Amino acid sequence: MRINGHGHILPEPNQIPKFMKDKKLFWIDNDKKFMRQGNWSRPITGSSFFLNEKIEWMRQNNIDHGVMLCLSQLYCNGWEKQDCIDGITFQNDFNASVQSNYPEIFTCGFVVQPLYMEHALREIDRCVNELELKVLCLPTHFLNKKGEWLSTSDRHLDPIYELANKHKLAIQIHPYDGEKMIALKNQYWRFHLIWMMAQCADTLHIYTLRDLPNRFPKIRVCFAHGGMLGIANYGRRIQGYDGRPDIFEKLHDPRKSLGHKNLFFDTLVHDSYTLDLLKKRVGVSQIMMGLDDPFPLGEMEGVGTSYPGRVLDYAVETGIFTEQEGKDIWHKNVLNWLNYN
């Protein structure tokens, strides 16, 4: 069985509530060529963004099951409270309907906004107890009431992790909104190609320093896109921890969480050398398949030589992974993250 642990699905244009388009929060053109938000737009580059086409795409690529995460555009950073509540409710209800209607094909995630903590905690309980969703999606960073960007590993989110721990949730941490955080021009696709990876590294850094894998032992957290810069930057973090103990007083040595059984990383690193580094750093058991379909930065057919699972296939062919390790990444390890084994 092949399970994709990182996919996305869009609602049909007519499924999106009218208020979201009226307020320019998020909508999709009727011809399904663009998704839009305020003055931002992004082309819809493949039909498998949508449910029926997604199912057919999975069939064609021998993918038996997919974990459909929340849309980054609906993390709701900076939204007014009621707009945030309404937008998140829509997103989570939509994902729940997909999972409910196709339980054999999809496991779906839900999102909360840490700025509105009381609602976030209620929404976690609602999604788990009423909607039967078990994957919590968090951005790497959120905008607090002071207008500051904080990592979702910050102490202010401890109530969320405490409740997630109670429910034994899988958590997926994914970057977005880099162009709002970094004072650089939005050119050369730099926020997707460079800064999103740095956002993952930043939150992984704080997550391990605060010893969250051990403080909340019943949750399993996956960092999107292989946590790439966080893994490559491991040595520098160790050097900093050893070299400036005054900065890290009462924090935890990053060495102690390397390869932790509750820290997972998906395969979406785009080349086998980086996948090899991930294996050497965290171990095969902590790597799970992630395609980020159907975005063009995912493993999608028609983008260069890409196809779903290409990097892992090449890593198996060249001996970086055994065939059994490759099968575990497609199946067993995803189930471990979801706590289905």
C-alpha atoms as a PDB file:
ATOM      1  CA  MET A   1       0.000   0.000   0.000  1.00  0.00           C
ATOM      2  CA  ARG A   2       1.297   3.466  -0.946  1.00  0.00           C
ATOM      3  CA  ILE A   3       0.291   6.443   1.205  1.00  0.00           C
ATOM      4  CA  ASN A   4       1.078  10.051   0.398  1.00  0.00           C
ATOM      5  CA  GLY A   5       1.500  11.973   3.654  1.00  0.00           C
ATOM      6  CA  HIS A   6       1.437  15.495   2.168  1.00  0.00           C
ATOM      7  CA  GLY A   7      -1.188  16.468  -0.379  1.00  0.00           C
ATOM      8  CA  HIS A   8      -3.691  19.279  -0.920  1.00  0.00           C
ATOM      9  CA  ILE A   9      -7.160  19.568  -2.360  1.00  0.00           C
ATOM     10  CA  LEU A  10      -9.226  22.590  -3.382  1.00  0.00           C
ATOM     11  CA  PRO A  11     -12.963  23.020  -2.997  1.00  0.00           C
ATOM     12  CA  GLU A  12     -14.984  23.639  -6.118  1.00  0.00           C
ATOM     13  CA  PRO A  13     -15.596  27.364  -6.761  1.00  0.00           C
ATOM     14  CA  ASN A  14     -19.265  27.058  -5.822  1.00  0.00           C
ATOM     15  CA  GLN A  15     -18.400  25.389  -2.501  1.00  0.00           C
ATOM     16  CA  ILE A  16     -16.562  28.461  -1.205  1.00  0.00           C
ATOM     17  CA  PRO A  17     -18.845  30.713   0.880  1.00  0.00           C
ATOM     18  CA  LYS A  18     -19.840  33.988  -0.759  1.00  0.00           C
ATOM     19  CA  PHE A  19     -18.478  36.090   2.106  1.00  0.00           C
ATOM     20  CA  MET A  20     -14.936  34.846   1.392  1.00  0.00           C
ATOM     21  CA  LYS A  21     -14.980  36.283  -2.113  1.00  0.00           C
ATOM     22  CA  ASP A  22     -16.871  39.410  -1.089  1.00  0.00           C
ATOM     23  CA  LYS A  23     -14.207  40.159   1.529  1.00  0.00           C
ATOM     24  CA  LYS A  24     -11.411  38.998  -0.799  1.00  0.00           C
ATOM     25  CA  LEU A  25     -10.295  36.415   1.747  1.00  0.00           C
ATOM     26  CA  PHE A  26     -10.056  33.488  -0.693  1.00  0.00           C
ATOM     27  CA  TRP A  27     -11.876  32.330  -3.799  1.00  0.00           C
ATOM     28  CA  ILE A  28     -11.442  30.379  -7.029  1.00  0.00           C
ATOM     29  CA  ASP A  29     -12.427  31.614 -10.476  1.00  0.00           C
ATOM     30  CA  ASN A  30     -15.405  29.836 -11.994  1.00  0.00           C
ATOM     31  CA  ASP A  31     -13.249  28.537 -14.848  1.00  0.00           C
ATOM     32  CA  LYS A  32     -10.903  27.040 -12.195  1.00  0.00           C
ATOM     33  CA  LYS A  33      -7.810  28.616 -13.705  1.00  0.00           C
ATOM     34  CA  PHE A  34      -6.773  30.764 -10.710  1.00  0.00           C
ATOM     35  CA  MET A  35      -7.098  30.801  -6.937  1.00  0.00           C
ATOM     36  CA  ARG A  36      -7.172  34.301  -5.459  1.00  0.00           C
ATOM     37  CA  GLN A  37      -6.769  36.170  -2.201  1.00  0.00           C
ATOM     38  CA  GLY A  38      -6.837  39.967  -1.999  1.00  0.00           C
ATOM     39  CA  ASN A  39      -4.535  41.161  -4.800  1.00  0.00           C
ATOM     40  CA  TRP A  40      -2.706  37.814  -4.876  1.00  0.00           C
ATOM     41  CA  SER A  41      -3.409  35.101  -7.413  1.00  0.00           C
ATOM     42  CA  ARG A  42      -1.902  31.749  -8.310  1.00  0.00           C
ATOM     43  CA  PRO A  43      -2.570  29.619 -11.378  1.00  0.00           C
ATOM     44  CA  ILE A  44      -4.226  26.272 -10.816  1.00  0.00           C
ATOM     45  CA  THR A  45      -1.694  24.208 -12.702  1.00  0.00           C
ATOM     46  CA  GLY A  46      -3.358  20.803 -12.615  1.00  0.00           C
ATOM     47  CA  SER A  47      -6.845  19.340 -12.542  1.00  0.00           C
ATOM     48  CA  SER A  48      -5.870  17.145  -9.583  1.00  0.00           C
ATOM     49  CA  PHE A  49      -6.369  20.151  -7.322  1.00  0.00           C
ATOM     50  CA  PHE A  50     -10.029  19.045  -7.284  1.00  0.00           C
ATOM     51  CA  LEU A  51     -11.645  15.989  -5.732  1.00  0.00           C
ATOM     52  CA  ASN A  52     -12.728  13.768  -8.623  1.00  0.00           C
ATOM     53  CA  GLU A  53      -9.626  14.528 -10.631  1.00  0.00           C
ATOM     54  CA  LYS A  54      -7.491  13.923  -7.531  1.00  0.00           C
ATOM     55  CA  ILE A  55      -8.926  10.461  -7.109  1.00  0.00           C
ATOM     56  CA  GLU A  56      -8.223   9.650 -10.763  1.00  0.00           C
ATOM     57  CA  TRP A  57      -4.686  11.064 -10.486  1.00  0.00           C
ATOM     58  CA  MET A  58      -4.043   8.862  -7.458  1.00  0.00           C
ATOM     59  CA  ARG A  59      -5.313   5.823  -9.331  1.00  0.00           C
ATOM     60  CA  GLN A  60      -3.063   6.539 -12.297  1.00  0.00           C
ATOM     61  CA  ASN A  61      -0.031   6.841 -10.014  1.00  0.00           C
ATOM     62  CA  ASN A  62      -0.777   3.818  -7.826  1.00  0.00           C
ATOM     63  CA  ILE A  63      -1.354   5.908  -4.698  1.00  0.00           C
ATOM     64  CA  ASP A  64      -3.804   4.114  -2.445  1.00  0.00           C
ATOM     65  CA  HIS A  65      -4.365   6.761   0.212  1.00  0.00           C
ATOM     66  CA  GLY A  66      -3.599  10.469   0.664  1.00  0.00           C
ATOM     67  CA  VAL A  67      -3.306  12.775   3.656  1.00  0.00           C
ATOM     68  CA  MET A  68      -4.901  16.020   2.515  1.00  0.00           C
ATOM     69  CA  LEU A  69      -3.594  18.966   4.500  1.00  0.00           C
ATOM     70  CA  CYS A  70      -5.067  22.427   4.870  1.00  0.00           C
ATOM     71  CA  LEU A  71      -4.396  25.152   2.339  1.00  0.00           C
ATOM     72  CA  SER A  72      -1.622  27.499   3.411  1.00  0.00           C
ATOM     73  CA  GLN A  73      -3.747  30.401   2.173  1.00  0.00           C
ATOM     74  CA  LEU A  74      -6.221  29.575   4.953  1.00  0.00           C
ATOM     75  CA  TYR A  75      -3.862  29.767   7.924  1.00  0.00           C
ATOM     76  CA  CYS A  76      -5.626  33.130   8.373  1.00  0.00           C
ATOM     77  CA  ASN A  77      -2.607  35.067   9.649  1.00  0.00           C
ATOM     78  CA  GLY A  78      -3.633  38.694  10.210  1.00  0.00           C
ATOM     79  CA  TRP A  79      -7.355  38.077   9.683  1.00  0.00           C
ATOM     80  CA  GLU A  80      -9.967  39.709  11.872  1.00  0.00           C
ATOM     81  CA  LYS A  81     -11.338  37.333  14.506  1.00  0.00           C
ATOM     82  CA  GLN A  82     -14.745  36.563  12.997  1.00  0.00           C
ATOM     83  CA  ASP A  83     -13.338  36.241   9.483  1.00  0.00           C
ATOM     84  CA  CYS A  84     -10.735  33.873  10.870  1.00  0.00           C
ATOM     85  CA  ILE A  85     -13.313  31.766  12.691  1.00  0.00           C
ATOM     86  CA  ASP A  86     -15.578  31.607   9.640  1.00  0.00           C
ATOM     87  CA  GLY A  87     -12.722  30.808   7.238  1.00  0.00           C
ATOM     88  CA  ILE A  88     -11.254  28.097   9.451  1.00  0.00           C
ATOM     89  CA  THR A  89     -14.679  26.575  10.060  1.00  0.00           C
ATOM     90  CA  PHE A  90     -15.237  26.376   6.303  1.00  0.00           C
ATOM     91  CA  GLN A  91     -11.809  24.835   5.647  1.00  0.00           C
ATOM     92  CA  ASN A  92     -12.147  22.225   8.384  1.00  0.00           C
ATOM     93  CA  ASP A  93     -15.730  21.324   7.479  1.00  0.00           C
ATOM     94  CA  PHE A  94     -14.721  20.911   3.837  1.00  0.00           C
ATOM     95  CA  ASN A  95     -11.804  18.625   4.695  1.00  0.00           C
ATOM     96  CA  ALA A  96     -14.005  16.647   7.060  1.00  0.00           C
ATOM     97  CA  SER A  97     -16.546  16.108   4.272  1.00  0.00           C
ATOM     98  CA  VAL A  98     -13.837  14.752   1.982  1.00  0.00           C
ATOM     99  CA  GLN A  99     -12.647  12.323   4.649  1.00  0.00           C
ATOM    100  CA  SER A 100     -16.181  11.303   5.596  1.00  0.00           C
ATOM    101  CA  ASN A 101     -17.236  10.642   2.001  1.00  0.00           C
ATOM    102  CA  TYR A 102     -14.014   8.820   1.028  1.00  0.00           C
ATOM    103  CA  PRO A 103     -12.539   7.312   4.216  1.00  0.00           C
ATOM    104  CA  GLU A 104     -10.705   4.588   2.310  1.00  0.00           C
ATOM    105  CA  ILE A 105      -8.934   7.148   0.115  1.00  0.00           C
ATOM    106  CA  PHE A 106      -8.351  10.236   2.289  1.00  0.00           C
ATOM    107  CA  THR A 107      -7.245  11.246   5.757  1.00  0.00           C
ATOM    108  CA  CYS A 108      -7.679  15.004   6.156  1.00  0.00           C
ATOM    109  CA  GLY A 109      -6.160  17.657   8.346  1.00  0.00           C
ATOM    110  CA  PHE A 110      -7.606  20.656  10.154  1.00  0.00           C
ATOM    111  CA  VAL A 111      -6.206  24.072  10.995  1.00  0.00           C
ATOM    112  CA  VAL A 112      -6.422  26.513  13.920  1.00  0.00           C
ATOM    113  CA  GLN A 113      -5.148  30.064  14.364  1.00  0.00           C
ATOM    114  CA  PRO A 114      -3.016  30.519  17.527  1.00  0.00           C
ATOM    115  CA  LEU A 115      -3.790  34.242  17.744  1.00  0.00           C
ATOM    116  CA  TYR A 116      -7.308  33.404  18.892  1.00  0.00           C
ATOM    117  CA  MET A 117      -6.360  30.782  21.468  1.00  0.00           C
ATOM    118  CA  GLU A 118      -9.764  30.216  23.045  1.00  0.00           C
ATOM    119  CA  HIS A 119     -11.300  29.485  19.655  1.00  0.00           C
ATOM    120  CA  ALA A 120      -8.291  27.387  18.625  1.00  0.00           C
ATOM    121  CA  LEU A 121      -8.758  25.072  21.589  1.00  0.00           C
ATOM    122  CA  ARG A 122     -12.498  24.765  21.000  1.00  0.00           C
ATOM    123  CA  GLU A 123     -11.866  24.045  17.333  1.00  0.00           C
ATOM    124  CA  ILE A 124      -9.391  21.278  18.143  1.00  0.00           C
ATOM    125  CA  ASP A 125     -12.008  19.591  20.319  1.00  0.00           C
ATOM    126  CA  ARG A 126     -14.687  20.066  17.651  1.00  0.00           C
ATOM    127  CA  CYS A 127     -12.534  18.683  14.865  1.00  0.00           C
ATOM    128  CA  VAL A 128     -11.471  15.653  16.880  1.00  0.00           C
ATOM    129  CA  ASN A 129     -14.716  14.836  18.656  1.00  0.00           C
ATOM    130  CA  GLU A 130     -17.299  15.836  16.022  1.00  0.00           C
ATOM    131  CA  LEU A 131     -15.478  15.748  12.686  1.00  0.00           C
ATOM    132  CA  GLU A 132     -13.165  12.806  13.530  1.00  0.00           C
ATOM    133  CA  LEU A 133     -10.079  14.561  12.152  1.00  0.00           C
ATOM    134  CA  LYS A 134      -6.719  13.520  13.588  1.00  0.00           C
ATOM    135  CA  VAL A 135      -4.131  15.674  11.796  1.00  0.00           C
ATOM    136  CA  LEU A 136      -3.554  19.216  13.072  1.00  0.00           C
ATOM    137  CA  CYS A 137      -2.016  21.598  10.520  1.00  0.00           C
ATOM    138  CA  LEU A 138       0.030  24.501  11.857  1.00  0.00           C
ATOM    139  CA  PRO A 139       1.982  27.198  10.038  1.00  0.00           C
ATOM    140  CA  THR A 140       5.625  27.593  11.008  1.00  0.00           C
ATOM    141  CA  HIS A 141       4.816  31.132  12.217  1.00  0.00           C
ATOM    142  CA  PHE A 142       1.811  33.213  13.150  1.00  0.00           C
ATOM    143  CA  LEU A 143       1.081  36.900  13.639  1.00  0.00           C
ATOM    144  CA  ASN A 144       0.329  37.824  17.243  1.00  0.00           C
ATOM    145  CA  LYS A 145      -1.817  40.691  18.532  1.00  0.00           C
ATOM    146  CA  LYS A 146       1.237  42.981  18.718  1.00  0.00           C
ATOM    147  CA  GLY A 147       1.931  42.473  15.023  1.00  0.00           C
ATOM    148  CA  GLU A 148       4.959  40.269  15.750  1.00  0.00           C
ATOM    149  CA  TRP A 149       5.697  37.046  13.917  1.00  0.00           C
ATOM    150  CA  LEU A 150       6.199  34.180  16.365  1.00  0.00           C
ATOM    151  CA  SER A 151       7.226  30.599  15.738  1.00  0.00           C
ATOM    152  CA  THR A 152       4.543  28.045  16.463  1.00  0.00           C
ATOM    153  CA  SER A 153       7.121  26.430  18.757  1.00  0.00           C
ATOM    154  CA  ASP A 154       6.807  29.498  20.988  1.00  0.00           C
ATOM    155  CA  ARG A 155       5.636  29.035  24.578  1.00  0.00           C
ATOM    156  CA  HIS A 156       2.375  30.824  23.745  1.00  0.00           C
ATOM    157  CA  LEU A 157       1.267  27.693  21.885  1.00  0.00           C
ATOM    158  CA  ASP A 158       1.794  25.306  24.780  1.00  0.00           C
ATOM    159  CA  PRO A 159      -1.995  25.072  25.405  1.00  0.00           C
ATOM    160  CA  ILE A 160      -2.425  23.854  21.822  1.00  0.00           C
ATOM    161  CA  TYR A 161       0.292  21.221  22.238  1.00  0.00           C
ATOM    162  CA  GLU A 162      -1.171  20.143  25.592  1.00  0.00           C
ATOM    163  CA  LEU A 163      -4.580  19.546  24.013  1.00  0.00           C
ATOM    164  CA  ALA A 164      -3.058  17.889  20.951  1.00  0.00           C
ATOM    165  CA  ASN A 165      -1.117  15.628  23.302  1.00  0.00           C
ATOM    166  CA  LYS A 166      -4.357  14.702  25.076  1.00  0.00           C
ATOM    167  CA  HIS A 167      -5.905  13.740  21.725  1.00  0.00           C
ATOM    168  CA  LYS A 168      -2.697  11.992  20.526  1.00  0.00           C
ATOM    169  CA  LEU A 169      -2.750  13.988  17.286  1.00  0.00           C
ATOM    170  CA  ALA A 170      -0.433  13.922  14.333  1.00  0.00           C
ATOM    171  CA  ILE A 171       0.764  17.461  13.563  1.00  0.00           C
ATOM    172  CA  GLN A 172       2.099  18.836  10.312  1.00  0.00           C
ATOM    173  CA  ILE A 173       4.093  22.081  10.408  1.00  0.00           C
ATOM    174  CA  HIS A 174       4.254  23.901   7.078  1.00  0.00           C
ATOM    175  CA  PRO A 175       5.729  27.277   6.046  1.00  0.00           C
ATOM    176  CA  TYR A 176       3.881  30.205   4.463  1.00  0.00           C
ATOM    177  CA  ASP A 177       3.654  34.020   4.503  1.00  0.00           C
ATOM    178  CA  GLY A 178       7.408  34.478   4.159  1.00  0.00           C
ATOM    179  CA  GLU A 179       6.983  37.600   2.018  1.00  0.00           C
ATOM    180  CA  LYS A 180       5.073  39.217   4.893  1.00  0.00           C
ATOM    181  CA  MET A 181       7.824  38.387   7.390  1.00  0.00           C
ATOM    182  CA  ILE A 182      10.998  39.178   5.440  1.00  0.00           C
ATOM    183  CA  ALA A 183      11.832  42.671   4.142  1.00  0.00           C
ATOM    184  CA  LEU A 184      12.845  41.563   0.650  1.00  0.00           C
ATOM    185  CA  LYS A 185      11.193  42.047  -2.703  1.00  0.00           C
ATOM    186  CA  ASN A 186       8.993  39.183  -3.766  1.00  0.00           C
ATOM    187  CA  GLN A 187      11.015  38.192  -6.820  1.00  0.00           C
ATOM    188  CA  TYR A 188      12.783  35.108  -8.166  1.00  0.00           C
ATOM    189  CA  TRP A 189      10.238  32.978  -6.274  1.00  0.00           C
ATOM    190  CA  ARG A 190      12.654  33.406  -3.366  1.00  0.00           C
ATOM    191  CA  PHE A 191      10.035  32.980  -0.639  1.00  0.00           C
ATOM    192  CA  HIS A 192       9.060  29.538  -1.913  1.00  0.00           C
ATOM    193  CA  LEU A 193      12.529  28.360  -2.922  1.00  0.00           C
ATOM    194  CA  ILE A 194      14.613  29.730  -0.031  1.00  0.00           C
ATOM    195  CA  TRP A 195      12.677  31.343   2.788  1.00  0.00           C
ATOM    196  CA  MET A 196      10.032  28.664   3.267  1.00  0.00           C
ATOM    197  CA  MET A 197      12.868  26.260   4.017  1.00  0.00           C
ATOM    198  CA  ALA A 198      14.332  28.751   6.494  1.00  0.00           C
ATOM    199  CA  GLN A 199      10.946  29.072   8.192  1.00  0.00           C
ATOM    200  CA  CYS A 200      10.871  25.304   8.761  1.00  0.00           C
ATOM    201  CA  ALA A 201      14.417  25.408  10.137  1.00  0.00           C
ATOM    202  CA  ASP A 202      13.534  28.221  12.528  1.00  0.00           C
ATOM    203  CA  THR A 203      10.569  26.410  14.048  1.00  0.00           C
ATOM    204  CA  LEU A 204      12.426  23.075  14.230  1.00  0.00           C
ATOM    205  CA  HIS A 205      15.248  24.897  16.046  1.00  0.00           C
ATOM    206  CA  ILE A 206      12.914  26.240  18.731  1.00  0.00           C
ATOM    207  CA  TYR A 207      10.839  23.047  18.897  1.00  0.00           C
ATOM    208  CA  THR A 208      13.913  21.040  19.889  1.00  0.00           C
ATOM    209  CA  LEU A 209      15.473  23.681  22.159  1.00  0.00           C
ATOM    210  CA  ARG A 210      12.242  23.741  24.183  1.00  0.00           C
ATOM    211  CA  ASP A 211      12.244  19.918  24.309  1.00  0.00           C
ATOM    212  CA  LEU A 212       8.713  19.719  22.948  1.00  0.00           C
ATOM    213  CA  PRO A 213       9.166  16.159  21.582  1.00  0.00           C
ATOM    214  CA  ASN A 214       9.594  14.905  25.150  1.00  0.00           C
ATOM    215  CA  ARG A 215       7.312  17.366  26.912  1.00  0.00           C
ATOM    216  CA  PHE A 216       4.414  16.260  24.705  1.00  0.00           C
ATOM    217  CA  PRO A 217       5.220  12.586  24.016  1.00  0.00           C
ATOM    218  CA  LYS A 218       1.849  11.563  22.554  1.00  0.00           C
ATOM    219  CA  ILE A 219       2.005  13.873  19.512  1.00  0.00           C
ATOM    220  CA  ARG A 220       3.990  13.156  16.394  1.00  0.00           C
ATOM    221  CA  VAL A 221       5.138  16.193  14.412  1.00  0.00           C
ATOM    222  CA  CYS A 222       6.121  16.164  10.758  1.00  0.00           C
ATOM    223  CA  PHE A 223       8.067  19.079   9.300  1.00  0.00           C
ATOM    224  CA  ALA A 224       7.133  19.723   5.675  1.00  0.00           C
ATOM    225  CA  HIS A 225       9.616  19.648   2.815  1.00  0.00           C
ATOM    226  CA  GLY A 226      12.021  17.489   4.782  1.00  0.00           C
ATOM    227  CA  GLY A 227      12.782  20.332   7.192  1.00  0.00           C
ATOM    228  CA  MET A 228      15.602  20.834   4.693  1.00  0.00           C
ATOM    229  CA  LEU A 229      17.618  23.750   6.047  1.00  0.00           C
ATOM    230  CA  GLY A 230      17.003  22.583   9.604  1.00  0.00           C
ATOM    231  CA  ILE A 231      18.695  19.277   8.806  1.00  0.00           C
ATOM    232  CA  ALA A 232      21.562  20.842   6.816  1.00  0.00           C
ATOM    233  CA  ASN A 233      22.035  23.441   9.579  1.00  0.00           C
ATOM    234  CA  TYR A 234      22.286  20.902  12.397  1.00  0.00           C
ATOM    235  CA  GLY A 235      26.053  21.308  12.873  1.00  0.00           C
ATOM    236  CA  ARG A 236      25.809  25.067  13.121  1.00  0.00           C
ATOM    237  CA  ARG A 237      23.089  24.774  15.755  1.00  0.00           C
ATOM    238  CA  ILE A 238      25.329  22.467  17.800  1.00  0.00           C
ATOM    239  CA  GLN A 239      28.268  24.868  17.438  1.00  0.00           C
ATOM    240  CA  GLY A 240      26.093  27.739  18.613  1.00  0.00           C
ATOM    241  CA  TYR A 241      24.682  25.792  21.535  1.00  0.00           C
ATOM    242  CA  ASP A 242      28.180  24.807  22.709  1.00  0.00           C
ATOM    243  CA  GLY A 243      29.778  28.168  21.957  1.00  0.00           C
ATOM    244  CA  ARG A 244      27.259  30.474  23.639  1.00  0.00           C
ATOM    245  CA  PRO A 245      25.855  28.676  26.687  1.00  0.00           C
ATOM    246  CA  ASP A 246      24.736  32.037  28.068  1.00  0.00           C
ATOM    247  CA  ILE A 247      22.100  32.254  25.317  1.00  0.00           C
ATOM    248  CA  PHE A 248      20.787  28.722  25.800  1.00  0.00           C
ATOM    249  CA  GLU A 249      20.477  28.581  29.565  1.00  0.00           C
ATOM    250  CA  LYS A 250      17.605  26.268  30.608  1.00  0.00           C
ATOM    251  CA  LEU A 251      17.157  25.149  26.988  1.00  0.00           C
ATOM    252  CA  HIS A 252      17.879  21.674  25.648  1.00  0.00           C
ATOM    253  CA  ASP A 253      20.805  20.343  23.646  1.00  0.00           C
ATOM    254  CA  PRO A 254      19.691  19.782  20.009  1.00  0.00           C
ATOM    255  CA  ARG A 255      21.648  16.515  19.998  1.00  0.00           C
ATOM    256  CA  LYS A 256      19.114  14.952  22.350  1.00  0.00           C
ATOM    257  CA  SER A 257      16.207  15.254  19.908  1.00  0.00           C
ATOM    258  CA  LEU A 258      18.038  14.213  16.730  1.00  0.00           C
ATOM    259  CA  GLY A 259      16.229  11.168  15.367  1.00  0.00           C
ATOM    260  CA  HIS A 260      13.501  11.403  18.015  1.00  0.00           C
ATOM    261  CA  LYS A 261      10.716   8.886  17.399  1.00  0.00           C
ATOM    262  CA  ASN A 262       8.081  11.660  17.409  1.00  0.00           C
ATOM    263  CA  LEU A 263       9.822  13.925  14.875  1.00  0.00           C
ATOM    264  CA  PHE A 264       9.075  13.094  11.236  1.00  0.00           C
ATOM    265  CA  PHE A 265      10.168  14.656   7.937  1.00  0.00           C
ATOM    266  CA  ASP A 266       8.620  14.165   4.515  1.00  0.00           C
ATOM    267  CA  THR A 267      10.546  13.216   1.387  1.00  0.00           C
ATOM    268  CA  LEU A 268       9.902  16.405  -0.554  1.00  0.00           C
ATOM    269  CA  VAL A 269      13.542  17.518  -0.749  1.00  0.00           C
ATOM    270  CA  HIS A 270      13.859  17.249  -4.565  1.00  0.00           C
ATOM    271  CA  ASP A 271      17.197  15.422  -4.741  1.00  0.00           C
ATOM    272  CA  SER A 272      18.543  12.132  -3.470  1.00  0.00           C
ATOM    273  CA  TYR A 273      21.666  13.641  -1.867  1.00  0.00           C
ATOM    274  CA  THR A 274      19.531  15.665   0.524  1.00  0.00           C
ATOM    275  CA  LEU A 275      17.392  12.590   1.160  1.00  0.00           C
ATOM    276  CA  ASP A 276      20.595  10.695   1.980  1.00  0.00           C
ATOM    277  CA  LEU A 277      21.554  13.402   4.495  1.00  0.00           C
ATOM    278  CA  LEU A 278      18.086  13.161   6.036  1.00  0.00           C
ATOM    279  CA  LYS A 279      18.528   9.394   6.399  1.00  0.00           C
ATOM    280  CA  LYS A 280      21.923   9.777   8.057  1.00  0.00           C
ATOM    281  CA  ARG A 281      20.698  12.469  10.427  1.00  0.00           C
ATOM    282  CA  VAL A 282      17.291  11.223  11.595  1.00  0.00           C
ATOM    283  CA  GLY A 283      17.059   7.603  10.398  1.00  0.00           C
ATOM    284  CA  VAL A 284      14.819   5.918   7.849  1.00  0.00           C
ATOM    285  CA  SER A 285      12.028   5.348  10.363  1.00  0.00           C
ATOM    286  CA  GLN A 286      11.459   9.116  10.669  1.00  0.00           C
ATOM    287  CA  ILE A 287      11.073   9.768   6.932  1.00  0.00           C
ATOM    288  CA  MET A 288       7.662   9.548   5.272  1.00  0.00           C
ATOM    289  CA  MET A 289       6.384  10.109   1.769  1.00  0.00           C
ATOM    290  CA  GLY A 290       5.257  13.627   0.930  1.00  0.00           C
ATOM    291  CA  LEU A 291       4.401  14.739  -2.589  1.00  0.00           C
ATOM    292  CA  ASP A 292       2.893  18.224  -2.018  1.00  0.00           C
ATOM    293  CA  ASP A 293       0.556  17.465  -4.884  1.00  0.00           C
ATOM    294  CA  PRO A 294      -0.626  19.094  -7.011  1.00  0.00           C
ATOM    295  CA  PHE A 295       1.594  22.182  -6.651  1.00  0.00           C
ATOM    296  CA  PRO A 296       4.429  22.551  -9.193  1.00  0.00           C
ATOM    297  CA  LEU A 297       6.971  22.424  -6.342  1.00  0.00           C
ATOM    298  CA  GLY A 298       5.568  19.007  -5.505  1.00  0.00           C
ATOM    299  CA  GLU A 299       6.559  15.811  -7.245  1.00  0.00           C
ATOM    300  CA  MET A 300       4.304  16.262 -10.223  1.00  0.00           C
ATOM    301  CA  GLU A 301       4.513  14.789 -13.694  1.00  0.00           C
ATOM    302  CA  GLY A 302       5.182  17.379 -16.396  1.00  0.00           C
ATOM    303  CA  VAL A 303       7.671  19.356 -14.273  1.00  0.00           C
ATOM    304  CA  GLY A 304      11.079  18.455 -15.694  1.00  0.00           C
ATOM    305  CA  THR A 305      11.678  14.744 -15.116  1.00  0.00           C
ATOM    306  CA  SER A 306       9.469  14.708 -12.034  1.00  0.00           C
ATOM    307  CA  TYR A 307       6.727  12.241 -11.203  1.00  0.00           C
ATOM    308  CA  PRO A 308       5.206  11.148  -7.867  1.00  0.00           C
ATOM    309  CA  GLY A 309       7.917   9.359  -5.888  1.00  0.00           C
ATOM    310  CA  ARG A 310      10.788  10.153  -8.278  1.00  0.00           C
ATOM    311  CA  VAL A 311      13.393  11.148  -5.674  1.00  0.00           C
ATOM    312  CA  LEU A 312      12.728   8.091  -3.524  1.00  0.00           C
ATOM    313  CA  ASP A 313      12.789   5.801  -6.562  1.00  0.00           C
ATOM    314  CA  TYR A 314      16.197   7.160  -7.551  1.00  0.00           C
ATOM    315  CA  ALA A 315      17.475   6.822  -3.989  1.00  0.00           C
ATOM    316  CA  VAL A 316      16.468   3.147  -4.019  1.00  0.00           C
ATOM    317  CA  GLU A 317      18.026   2.618  -7.447  1.00  0.00           C
ATOM    318  CA  THR A 318      21.350   4.083  -6.288  1.00  0.00           C
ATOM    319  CA  GLY A 319      21.436   2.175  -3.002  1.00  0.00           C
ATOM    320  CA  ILE A 320      20.719   5.030  -0.613  1.00  0.00           C
ATOM    321  CA  PHE A 321      17.674   3.089   0.562  1.00  0.00           C
ATOM    322  CA  THR A 322      16.877  -0.586   0.322  1.00  0.00           C
ATOM    323  CA  GLU A 323      13.666  -1.615  -1.394  1.00  0.00           C
ATOM    324  CA  GLN A 324      12.135  -2.398   2.009  1.00  0.00           C
ATOM    325  CA  GLU A 325      13.113   1.010   3.361  1.00  0.00           C
ATOM    326  CA  GLY A 326      11.465   2.592   0.345  1.00  0.00           C
ATOM    327  CA  LYS A 327       8.280   0.626   1.019  1.00  0.00           C
ATOM    328  CA  ASP A 328       8.345   1.689   4.673  1.00  0.00           C
ATOM    329  CA  ILE A 329       8.607   5.354   3.664  1.00  0.00           C
ATOM    330  CA  TRP A 330       5.535   4.932   1.459  1.00  0.00           C
ATOM    331  CA  HIS A 331       3.527   3.040   4.076  1.00  0.00           C
ATOM    332  CA  LYS A 332       4.703   2.029   7.566  1.00  0.00           C
ATOM    333  CA  ASN A 333       6.294   5.344   8.486  1.00  0.00           C
ATOM    334  CA  VAL A 334       3.238   7.366   7.435  1.00  0.00           C
ATOM    335  CA  LEU A 335       1.061   5.082   9.552  1.00  0.00           C
ATOM    336  CA  ASN A 336       3.405   5.581  12.510  1.00  0.00           C
ATOM    337  CA  TRP A 337       3.049   9.339  12.168  1.00  0.00           C
ATOM    338  CA  LEU A 338      -0.731   9.007  12.013  1.00  0.00           C
ATOM    339  CA  ASN A 339      -0.652   6.577  14.969  1.00  0.00           C
ATOM    340  CA  TYR A 340      -2.520   3.952  12.951  1.00  0.00           C
ATOM    341  CA  ASN A 341      -0.078   1.083  13.608  1.00  0.00           C
END
